[in-house]
PDB file of N, CA and C in Angstrom:
ATOM      1  N   UNK A   1      20.081 -13.207  -2.085  1.00  0.00           N
ATOM      2  CA  UNK A   1      18.725 -13.590  -1.755  1.00  0.00           C
ATOM      3  C   UNK A   1      17.966 -12.391  -1.204  1.00  0.00           C
ATOM      4  N   UNK A   2      18.597 -11.582  -0.338  1.00  0.00           N
ATOM      5  CA  UNK A   2      17.930 -10.432   0.257  1.00  0.00           C
ATOM      6  C   UNK A   2      17.471  -9.451  -0.812  1.00  0.00           C
ATOM      7  N   UNK A   3      18.328  -9.161  -1.799  1.00  0.00           N
ATOM      8  CA  UNK A   3      17.946  -8.230  -2.865  1.00  0.00           C
ATOM      9  C   UNK A   3      16.791  -8.773  -3.687  1.00  0.00           C
ATOM     10  N   UNK A   4      16.784 -10.062  -3.928  1.00  0.00           N
ATOM     11  CA  UNK A   4      15.690 -10.683  -4.654  1.00  0.00           C
ATOM     12  C   UNK A   4      14.397 -10.556  -3.847  1.00  0.00           C
ATOM     13  N   UNK A   5      14.481 -10.786  -2.540  1.00  0.00           N
ATOM     14  CA  UNK A   5      13.314 -10.640  -1.674  1.00  0.00           C
ATOM     15  C   UNK A   5      12.802  -9.202  -1.695  1.00  0.00           C
ATOM     16  N   UNK A   6      13.716  -8.237  -1.667  1.00  0.00           N
ATOM     17  CA  UNK A   6      13.328  -6.824  -1.708  1.00  0.00           C
ATOM     18  C   UNK A   6      12.623  -6.494  -3.011  1.00  0.00           C
ATOM     19  N   UNK A   7      13.153  -6.959  -4.119  1.00  0.00           N
ATOM     20  CA  UNK A   7      12.526  -6.710  -5.421  1.00  0.00           C
ATOM     21  C   UNK A   7      11.145  -7.342  -5.498  1.00  0.00           C
ATOM     22  N   UNK A   8      11.034  -8.546  -4.984  1.00  0.00           N
ATOM     23  CA  UNK A   8       9.751  -9.232  -4.976  1.00  0.00           C
ATOM     24  C   UNK A   8       8.737  -8.442  -4.144  1.00  0.00           C
ATOM     25  N   UNK A   9       9.145  -8.001  -2.968  1.00  0.00           N
ATOM     26  CA  UNK A   9       8.254  -7.244  -2.086  1.00  0.00           C
ATOM     27  C   UNK A   9       7.839  -5.931  -2.732  1.00  0.00           C
ATOM     28  N   UNK A  10       8.770  -5.228  -3.350  1.00  0.00           N
ATOM     29  CA  UNK A  10       8.440  -3.965  -4.023  1.00  0.00           C
ATOM     30  C   UNK A  10       7.488  -4.201  -5.191  1.00  0.00           C
ATOM     31  N   UNK A  11       7.711  -5.264  -5.928  1.00  0.00           N
ATOM     32  CA  UNK A  11       6.830  -5.598  -7.037  1.00  0.00           C
ATOM     33  C   UNK A  11       5.434  -5.956  -6.557  1.00  0.00           C
ATOM     34  N   UNK A  12       5.360  -6.695  -5.468  1.00  0.00           N
ATOM     35  CA  UNK A  12       4.069  -7.068  -4.896  1.00  0.00           C
ATOM     36  C   UNK A  12       3.323  -5.820  -4.440  1.00  0.00           C
ATOM     37  N   UNK A  13       4.011  -4.949  -3.716  1.00  0.00           N
ATOM     38  CA  UNK A  13       3.410  -3.704  -3.233  1.00  0.00           C
ATOM     39  C   UNK A  13       2.920  -2.857  -4.399  1.00  0.00           C
ATOM     40  N   UNK A  14       3.716  -2.736  -5.430  1.00  0.00           N
ATOM     41  CA  UNK A  14       3.322  -1.949  -6.603  1.00  0.00           C
ATOM     42  C   UNK A  14       2.099  -2.554  -7.277  1.00  0.00           C
ATOM     43  N   UNK A  15       2.049  -3.855  -7.383  1.00  0.00           N
ATOM     44  CA  UNK A  15       0.911  -4.515  -8.006  1.00  0.00           C
ATOM     45  C   UNK A  15      -0.378  -4.307  -7.234  1.00  0.00           C
ATOM     46  N   UNK A  16      -0.308  -4.439  -5.921  1.00  0.00           N
ATOM     47  CA  UNK A  16      -1.489  -4.218  -5.075  1.00  0.00           C
ATOM     48  C   UNK A  16      -1.927  -2.765  -5.190  1.00  0.00           C
ATOM     49  N   UNK A  17      -0.975  -1.851  -5.080  1.00  0.00           N
ATOM     50  CA  UNK A  17      -1.301  -0.420  -5.146  1.00  0.00           C
ATOM     51  C   UNK A  17      -1.918  -0.063  -6.497  1.00  0.00           C
ATOM     52  N   UNK A  18      -1.340  -0.554  -7.572  1.00  0.00           N
ATOM     53  CA  UNK A  18      -1.861  -0.261  -8.914  1.00  0.00           C
ATOM     54  C   UNK A  18      -3.273  -0.810  -9.113  1.00  0.00           C
ATOM     55  N   UNK A  19      -3.549  -1.970  -8.542  1.00  0.00           N
ATOM     56  CA  UNK A  19      -4.844  -2.618  -8.746  1.00  0.00           C
ATOM     57  C   UNK A  19      -6.008  -1.817  -8.178  1.00  0.00           C
ATOM     58  N   UNK A  20      -5.762  -1.029  -7.139  1.00  0.00           N
ATOM     59  CA  UNK A  20      -6.866  -0.313  -6.489  1.00  0.00           C
ATOM     60  C   UNK A  20      -6.690   1.208  -6.500  1.00  0.00           C
ATOM     61  N   UNK A  21      -5.637   1.698  -7.139  1.00  0.00           N
ATOM     62  CA  UNK A  21      -5.386   3.138  -7.187  1.00  0.00           C
ATOM     63  C   UNK A  21      -6.522   3.830  -7.930  1.00  0.00           C
ATOM     64  N   UNK A  22      -7.003   4.927  -7.356  1.00  0.00           N
ATOM     65  CA  UNK A  22      -8.098   5.673  -7.960  1.00  0.00           C
ATOM     66  C   UNK A  22      -9.459   5.209  -7.503  1.00  0.00           C
ATOM     67  N   UNK A  23      -9.498   4.077  -6.812  1.00  0.00           N
ATOM     68  CA  UNK A  23     -10.768   3.573  -6.281  1.00  0.00           C
ATOM     69  C   UNK A  23     -10.730   3.500  -4.768  1.00  0.00           C
ATOM     70  N   UNK A  24      -9.716   2.830  -4.217  1.00  0.00           N
ATOM     71  CA  UNK A  24      -9.628   2.656  -2.774  1.00  0.00           C
ATOM     72  C   UNK A  24      -8.591   3.572  -2.137  1.00  0.00           C
ATOM     73  N   UNK A  25      -7.708   4.102  -2.939  1.00  0.00           N
ATOM     74  CA  UNK A  25      -6.751   5.110  -2.489  1.00  0.00           C
ATOM     75  C   UNK A  25      -6.423   5.965  -3.698  1.00  0.00           C
ATOM     76  N   UNK A  26      -5.958   7.191  -3.439  1.00  0.00           N
ATOM     77  CA  UNK A  26      -5.680   8.088  -4.564  1.00  0.00           C
ATOM     78  C   UNK A  26      -4.307   8.737  -4.431  1.00  0.00           C
ATOM     79  N   UNK A  27      -3.548   8.604  -5.481  1.00  0.00           N
ATOM     80  CA  UNK A  27      -2.227   9.230  -5.568  1.00  0.00           C
ATOM     81  C   UNK A  27      -2.443  10.654  -6.059  1.00  0.00           C
ATOM     82  N   UNK A  28      -2.113  11.610  -5.223  1.00  0.00           N
ATOM     83  CA  UNK A  28      -2.304  13.017  -5.579  1.00  0.00           C
ATOM     84  C   UNK A  28      -1.159  13.551  -6.421  1.00  0.00           C
ATOM     85  N   UNK A  29      -0.094  12.779  -6.560  1.00  0.00           N
ATOM     86  CA  UNK A  29       1.065  13.235  -7.312  1.00  0.00           C
ATOM     87  C   UNK A  29       2.011  14.094  -6.490  1.00  0.00           C
ATOM     88  N   UNK A  30       1.684  14.305  -5.226  1.00  0.00           N
ATOM     89  CA  UNK A  30       2.529  15.135  -4.357  1.00  0.00           C
ATOM     90  C   UNK A  30       3.571  14.322  -3.599  1.00  0.00           C
ATOM     91  N   UNK A  31       3.414  13.007  -3.614  1.00  0.00           N
ATOM     92  CA  UNK A  31       4.341  12.130  -2.904  1.00  0.00           C
ATOM     93  C   UNK A  31       4.917  11.151  -3.921  1.00  0.00           C
ATOM     94  N   UNK A  32       6.235  10.992  -3.919  1.00  0.00           N
ATOM     95  CA  UNK A  32       6.892  10.067  -4.843  1.00  0.00           C
ATOM     96  C   UNK A  32       6.547   8.627  -4.475  1.00  0.00           C
ATOM     97  N   UNK A  33       6.543   7.771  -5.482  1.00  0.00           N
ATOM     98  CA  UNK A  33       6.181   6.369  -5.241  1.00  0.00           C
ATOM     99  C   UNK A  33       7.114   5.697  -4.233  1.00  0.00           C
ATOM    100  N   UNK A  34       8.381   6.061  -4.247  1.00  0.00           N
ATOM    101  CA  UNK A  34       9.310   5.492  -3.252  1.00  0.00           C
ATOM    102  C   UNK A  34       8.919   5.905  -1.844  1.00  0.00           C
ATOM    103  N   UNK A  35       8.424   7.129  -1.677  1.00  0.00           N
ATOM    104  CA  UNK A  35       7.984   7.595  -0.368  1.00  0.00           C
ATOM    105  C   UNK A  35       6.713   6.878   0.060  1.00  0.00           C
ATOM    106  N   UNK A  36       5.814   6.649  -0.885  1.00  0.00           N
ATOM    107  CA  UNK A  36       4.594   5.909  -0.578  1.00  0.00           C
ATOM    108  C   UNK A  36       4.963   4.505  -0.111  1.00  0.00           C
ATOM    109  N   UNK A  37       5.849   3.842  -0.842  1.00  0.00           N
ATOM    110  CA  UNK A  37       6.306   2.505  -0.457  1.00  0.00           C
ATOM    111  C   UNK A  37       6.889   2.517   0.950  1.00  0.00           C
ATOM    112  N   UNK A  38       7.729   3.498   1.227  1.00  0.00           N
ATOM    113  CA  UNK A  38       8.383   3.592   2.537  1.00  0.00           C
ATOM    114  C   UNK A  38       7.355   3.779   3.649  1.00  0.00           C
ATOM    115  N   UNK A  39       6.333   4.580   3.391  1.00  0.00           N
ATOM    116  CA  UNK A  39       5.296   4.802   4.400  1.00  0.00           C
ATOM    117  C   UNK A  39       4.500   3.527   4.650  1.00  0.00           C
ATOM    118  N   UNK A  40       4.175   2.805   3.592  1.00  0.00           N
ATOM    119  CA  UNK A  40       3.432   1.554   3.747  1.00  0.00           C
ATOM    120  C   UNK A  40       4.271   0.544   4.533  1.00  0.00           C
ATOM    121  N   UNK A  41       5.528   0.398   4.163  1.00  0.00           N
ATOM    122  CA  UNK A  41       6.406  -0.550   4.857  1.00  0.00           C
ATOM    123  C   UNK A  41       6.557  -0.158   6.331  1.00  0.00           C
ATOM    124  N   UNK A  42       6.719   1.135   6.609  1.00  0.00           N
ATOM    125  CA  UNK A  42       6.847   1.596   7.994  1.00  0.00           C
ATOM    126  C   UNK A  42       5.583   1.266   8.788  1.00  0.00           C
ATOM    127  N   UNK A  43       4.421   1.482   8.189  1.00  0.00           N
ATOM    128  CA  UNK A  43       3.168   1.168   8.879  1.00  0.00           C
ATOM    129  C   UNK A  43       3.004  -0.334   9.086  1.00  0.00           C
ATOM    130  N   UNK A  44       3.432  -1.129   8.117  1.00  0.00           N
ATOM    131  CA  UNK A  44       3.369  -2.587   8.288  1.00  0.00           C
ATOM    132  C   UNK A  44       4.259  -3.029   9.445  1.00  0.00           C
ATOM    133  N   UNK A  45       5.426  -2.427   9.559  1.00  0.00           N
ATOM    134  CA  UNK A  45       6.352  -2.792  10.639  1.00  0.00           C
ATOM    135  C   UNK A  45       5.803  -2.420  12.011  1.00  0.00           C
ATOM    136  N   UNK A  46       4.947  -1.402  12.069  1.00  0.00           N
ATOM    137  CA  UNK A  46       4.361  -0.974  13.341  1.00  0.00           C
ATOM    138  C   UNK A  46       3.274  -1.922  13.838  1.00  0.00           C
ATOM    139  N   UNK A  47       2.732  -2.732  12.941  1.00  0.00           N
ATOM    140  CA  UNK A  47       1.669  -3.654  13.327  1.00  0.00           C
ATOM    141  C   UNK A  47       2.214  -4.760  14.218  1.00  0.00           C
ATOM    142  N   UNK A  48       1.410  -5.219  15.151  1.00  0.00           N
ATOM    143  CA  UNK A  48       1.846  -6.369  15.952  1.00  0.00           C
ATOM    144  C   UNK A  48       2.055  -7.586  15.047  1.00  0.00           C
ATOM    145  N   UNK A  49       2.925  -8.463  15.460  1.00  0.00           N
ATOM    146  CA  UNK A  49       3.254  -9.643  14.650  1.00  0.00           C
ATOM    147  C   UNK A  49       2.001 -10.417  14.262  1.00  0.00           C
ATOM    148  N   UNK A  50       1.069 -10.524  15.164  1.00  0.00           N
ATOM    149  CA  UNK A  50      -0.162 -11.280  14.878  1.00  0.00           C
ATOM    150  C   UNK A  50      -0.951 -10.631  13.740  1.00  0.00           C
ATOM    151  N   UNK A  51      -1.020  -9.311  13.722  1.00  0.00           N
ATOM    152  CA  UNK A  51      -1.744  -8.592  12.667  1.00  0.00           C
ATOM    153  C   UNK A  51      -1.055  -8.776  11.319  1.00  0.00           C
ATOM    154  N   UNK A  52       0.262  -8.881  11.324  1.00  0.00           N
ATOM    155  CA  UNK A  52       1.013  -9.056  10.072  1.00  0.00           C
ATOM    156  C   UNK A  52       0.835 -10.445   9.474  1.00  0.00           C
ATOM    157  N   UNK A  53       0.179 -11.335  10.193  1.00  0.00           N
ATOM    158  CA  UNK A  53      -0.061 -12.679   9.669  1.00  0.00           C
ATOM    159  C   UNK A  53      -1.266 -12.705   8.742  1.00  0.00           C
ATOM    160  N   UNK A  54      -1.977 -11.575   8.648  1.00  0.00           N
ATOM    161  CA  UNK A  54      -3.158 -11.511   7.792  1.00  0.00           C
ATOM    162  C   UNK A  54      -2.788 -11.408   6.324  1.00  0.00           C
ATOM    163  N   UNK A  55      -3.809 -11.225   5.508  1.00  0.00           N
ATOM    164  CA  UNK A  55      -3.638 -11.089   4.066  1.00  0.00           C
ATOM    165  C   UNK A  55      -2.851  -9.811   3.762  1.00  0.00           C
ATOM    166  N   UNK A  56      -1.713  -9.952   3.127  1.00  0.00           N
ATOM    167  CA  UNK A  56      -0.835  -8.805   2.873  1.00  0.00           C
ATOM    168  C   UNK A  56      -1.504  -7.745   2.015  1.00  0.00           C
ATOM    169  N   UNK A  57      -2.247  -8.156   0.998  1.00  0.00           N
ATOM    170  CA  UNK A  57      -2.863  -7.163   0.119  1.00  0.00           C
ATOM    171  C   UNK A  57      -3.896  -6.332   0.879  1.00  0.00           C
ATOM    172  N   UNK A  58      -4.662  -6.970   1.759  1.00  0.00           N
ATOM    173  CA  UNK A  58      -5.651  -6.236   2.551  1.00  0.00           C
ATOM    174  C   UNK A  58      -4.969  -5.239   3.471  1.00  0.00           C
ATOM    175  N   UNK A  59      -3.881  -5.641   4.084  1.00  0.00           N
ATOM    176  CA  UNK A  59      -3.139  -4.732   4.967  1.00  0.00           C
ATOM    177  C   UNK A  59      -2.602  -3.534   4.184  1.00  0.00           C
ATOM    178  N   UNK A  60      -2.035  -3.791   3.021  1.00  0.00           N
ATOM    179  CA  UNK A  60      -1.484  -2.721   2.187  1.00  0.00           C
ATOM    180  C   UNK A  60      -2.582  -1.756   1.754  1.00  0.00           C
ATOM    181  N   UNK A  61      -3.702  -2.284   1.294  1.00  0.00           N
ATOM    182  CA  UNK A  61      -4.804  -1.439   0.839  1.00  0.00           C
ATOM    183  C   UNK A  61      -5.346  -0.590   1.988  1.00  0.00           C
ATOM    184  N   UNK A  62      -5.474  -1.169   3.164  1.00  0.00           N
ATOM    185  CA  UNK A  62      -5.961  -0.429   4.330  1.00  0.00           C
ATOM    186  C   UNK A  62      -5.041   0.743   4.647  1.00  0.00           C
ATOM    187  N   UNK A  63      -3.752   0.508   4.601  1.00  0.00           N
ATOM    188  CA  UNK A  63      -2.776   1.566   4.880  1.00  0.00           C
ATOM    189  C   UNK A  63      -2.856   2.651   3.806  1.00  0.00           C
ATOM    190  N   UNK A  64      -2.877   2.255   2.553  1.00  0.00           N
ATOM    191  CA  UNK A  64      -2.954   3.240   1.467  1.00  0.00           C
ATOM    192  C   UNK A  64      -4.230   4.070   1.567  1.00  0.00           C
ATOM    193  N   UNK A  65      -5.360   3.429   1.833  1.00  0.00           N
ATOM    194  CA  UNK A  65      -6.641   4.139   1.915  1.00  0.00           C
ATOM    195  C   UNK A  65      -6.646   5.127   3.080  1.00  0.00           C
ATOM    196  N   UNK A  66      -6.018   4.773   4.178  1.00  0.00           N
ATOM    197  CA  UNK A  66      -5.966   5.662   5.343  1.00  0.00           C
ATOM    198  C   UNK A  66      -5.029   6.838   5.086  1.00  0.00           C
ATOM    199  N   UNK A  67      -3.875   6.562   4.505  1.00  0.00           N
ATOM    200  CA  UNK A  67      -2.880   7.618   4.271  1.00  0.00           C
ATOM    201  C   UNK A  67      -3.200   8.491   3.064  1.00  0.00           C
ATOM    202  N   UNK A  68      -3.818   7.904   2.060  1.00  0.00           N
ATOM    203  CA  UNK A  68      -4.071   8.628   0.798  1.00  0.00           C
ATOM    204  C   UNK A  68      -5.516   8.435   0.348  1.00  0.00           C
ATOM    205  N   UNK A  69      -6.450   8.993   1.120  1.00  0.00           N
ATOM    206  CA  UNK A  69      -7.864   8.812   0.761  1.00  0.00           C
ATOM    207  C   UNK A  69      -8.200   9.568  -0.525  1.00  0.00           C
ATOM    208  N   UNK A  70      -9.210   9.076  -1.212  1.00  0.00           N
ATOM    209  CA  UNK A  70      -9.699   9.759  -2.416  1.00  0.00           C
ATOM    210  C   UNK A  70     -10.654  10.871  -1.978  1.00  0.00           C
ATOM    211  N   UNK A  71     -10.633  11.981  -2.705  1.00  0.00           N
ATOM    212  CA  UNK A  71     -11.497  13.100  -2.335  1.00  0.00           C
ATOM    213  C   UNK A  71     -12.929  12.893  -2.804  1.00  0.00           C
ATOM    214  N   UNK A  72     -13.130  12.002  -3.746  1.00  0.00           N
ATOM    215  CA  UNK A  72     -14.476  11.694  -4.228  1.00  0.00           C
ATOM    216  C   UNK A  72     -14.719  10.212  -4.054  1.00  0.00           C
ATOM    217  N   UNK A  73     -15.968   9.801  -3.830  1.00  0.00           N
ATOM    218  CA  UNK A  73     -16.236   8.372  -3.662  1.00  0.00           C
ATOM    219  C   UNK A  73     -15.941   7.608  -4.945  1.00  0.00           C
ATOM    220  N   UNK A  74     -15.580   6.332  -4.806  1.00  0.00           N
ATOM    221  CA  UNK A  74     -15.293   5.527  -5.996  1.00  0.00           C
ATOM    222  C   UNK A  74     -16.549   5.358  -6.836  1.00  0.00           C
ATOM    223  N   UNK A  75     -16.390   5.178  -8.148  1.00  0.00           N
ATOM    224  CA  UNK A  75     -17.548   4.971  -9.016  1.00  0.00           C
ATOM    225  C   UNK A  75     -18.350   3.751  -8.581  1.00  0.00           C
ATOM    226  N   UNK A  76     -19.647   3.905  -8.556  1.00  0.00           N
ATOM    227  CA  UNK A  76     -20.510   2.795  -8.186  1.00  0.00           C
ATOM    228  C   UNK A  76     -20.528   2.484  -6.704  1.00  0.00           C
ATOM    229  N   UNK A  77     -19.944   3.316  -5.868  1.00  0.00           N
ATOM    230  CA  UNK A  77     -19.931   3.000  -4.454  1.00  0.00           C
ATOM    231  C   UNK A  77     -19.851   4.189  -3.671  1.00  0.00           C
TER     232      UNK A  77
END
């Protein structure tokens, strides 16, 4: 069950990251995807329990945008 949960969580994280990559956060290619995942998970664990009760995708996007900002503004914004 734990491995299934891990795969599900990694898939969810990848889906959220892919959906907004290049607009709300930017992968420079200097950090491996496994390292990006690890940084996001570490930052999520640092949040107080109450904060972790929020929308997971919003939390993930906020972390990615802070850690990996885009150098140019997103199109149309």
